[in-house]
Amino acid sequence: MDILSSPLVSEGDQVEKLMNYVDWLAIRTPSLAEQLMECKEALRKGGYTFKQLQKLSDAQFTKIGIEDGFMMQLQSMCNKYDLTL
């Protein structure tokens, strides 16, 4: 099995992409950087990936402690972030 095509590697890349995405958001909105880093940590601890981010429900965000405003910001900028890659 080719390690680069392994689902585990692919998911790892998506986790890294999520972490980089939240960093990117924090740079764009420095007044919210501290709170976004808390969101980043909650998403990391939950094992979420960038691909999963837009599919998370309000209840899932609430369960990991991310408020509505941050949930909307995290989900709304995914496509714009993809365009920067």
Protein backbone atom coordinates (compact mmCIF):
# COMPACT_ATOMS: atom_id res chain seq x y z
CA MET A 1 0.00 0.00 0.00
CA ASP A 2 1.35 3.41 -0.98
CA ILE A 3 1.64 5.53 2.17
CA LEU A 4 0.69 8.72 0.30
CA SER A 5 -2.67 7.26 -0.70
CA SER A 6 -3.36 5.96 2.79
CA PRO A 7 -6.63 7.31 4.27
CA LEU A 8 -4.79 8.02 7.51
CA VAL A 9 -2.28 10.30 5.77
CA SER A 10 -5.06 12.00 3.84
CA GLU A 11 -7.01 12.66 7.06
CA GLY A 12 -3.83 13.93 8.70
CA ASP A 13 -3.46 16.43 5.90
CA GLN A 14 -7.05 17.55 6.47
CA VAL A 15 -6.39 18.05 10.18
CA GLU A 16 -3.33 20.16 9.34
CA LYS A 17 -5.40 22.08 6.81
CA LEU A 18 -7.99 22.82 9.50
CA MET A 19 -5.31 24.07 11.89
CA ASN A 20 -3.81 26.28 9.16
CA TYR A 21 -7.28 27.54 8.26
CA VAL A 22 -8.01 28.72 11.80
CA ASP A 23 -4.59 30.41 11.89
CA TRP A 24 -5.48 32.14 8.61
CA LEU A 25 -8.79 33.35 10.10
CA ALA A 26 -6.97 34.67 13.17
CA ILE A 27 -4.60 36.69 10.98
CA ARG A 28 -7.56 38.16 9.10
CA THR A 29 -9.42 39.03 12.32
CA PRO A 30 -6.79 39.81 14.97
CA SER A 31 -9.38 41.10 17.45
CA LEU A 32 -10.76 37.54 17.62
CA ALA A 33 -7.44 35.71 17.45
CA GLU A 34 -7.48 34.50 21.06
CA GLN A 35 -11.00 33.09 20.79
CA LEU A 36 -10.21 31.51 17.43
CA MET A 37 -7.22 29.73 18.99
CA GLU A 38 -9.60 28.33 21.60
CA CYS A 39 -11.85 27.12 18.77
CA LYS A 40 -8.82 25.62 17.05
CA GLU A 41 -7.91 23.69 20.18
CA ALA A 42 -11.48 22.43 20.63
CA LEU A 43 -11.58 21.24 17.01
CA ARG A 44 -8.16 19.57 17.37
CA LYS A 45 -9.17 17.81 20.59
CA GLY A 46 -12.37 16.64 18.91
CA GLY A 47 -10.38 15.16 16.04
CA TYR A 48 -12.17 17.15 13.36
CA THR A 49 -10.85 17.79 9.86
CA PHE A 50 -11.22 20.63 7.40
CA LYS A 51 -13.57 18.52 5.25
CA GLN A 52 -15.83 17.90 8.25
CA LEU A 53 -15.98 21.54 9.33
CA GLN A 54 -18.78 22.63 6.98
CA LYS A 55 -20.81 19.53 7.85
CA LEU A 56 -20.78 20.00 11.62
CA SER A 57 -24.17 20.78 13.13
CA ASP A 58 -24.96 23.54 15.60
CA ALA A 59 -25.27 20.86 18.29
CA GLN A 60 -21.80 19.49 17.51
CA PHE A 61 -20.25 22.95 17.75
CA THR A 62 -22.07 23.58 21.02
CA LYS A 63 -20.92 20.22 22.39
CA ILE A 64 -17.26 21.16 21.88
CA GLY A 65 -17.81 24.65 23.28
CA ILE A 66 -17.81 26.81 20.15
CA GLU A 67 -20.30 29.68 20.19
CA ASP A 68 -22.69 30.42 17.29
CA GLY A 69 -20.79 33.45 15.98
CA PHE A 70 -17.54 31.54 15.77
CA MET A 71 -19.31 28.57 14.23
CA MET A 72 -20.69 30.78 11.48
CA GLN A 73 -17.33 32.43 10.88
CA LEU A 74 -15.51 29.10 10.78
CA GLN A 75 -17.97 27.63 8.31
CA SER A 76 -18.48 30.67 6.09
CA MET A 77 -14.86 31.28 5.11
CA CYS A 78 -13.90 27.72 4.05
CA ASN A 79 -14.39 28.33 0.33
CA LYS A 80 -12.51 31.61 0.41
CA TYR A 81 -9.61 29.88 2.19
CA ASP A 82 -9.55 27.11 -0.42
CA LEU A 83 -9.11 29.77 -3.12
CA THR A 84 -5.93 30.99 -1.41
CA LEU A 85 -4.25 27.57 -1.59
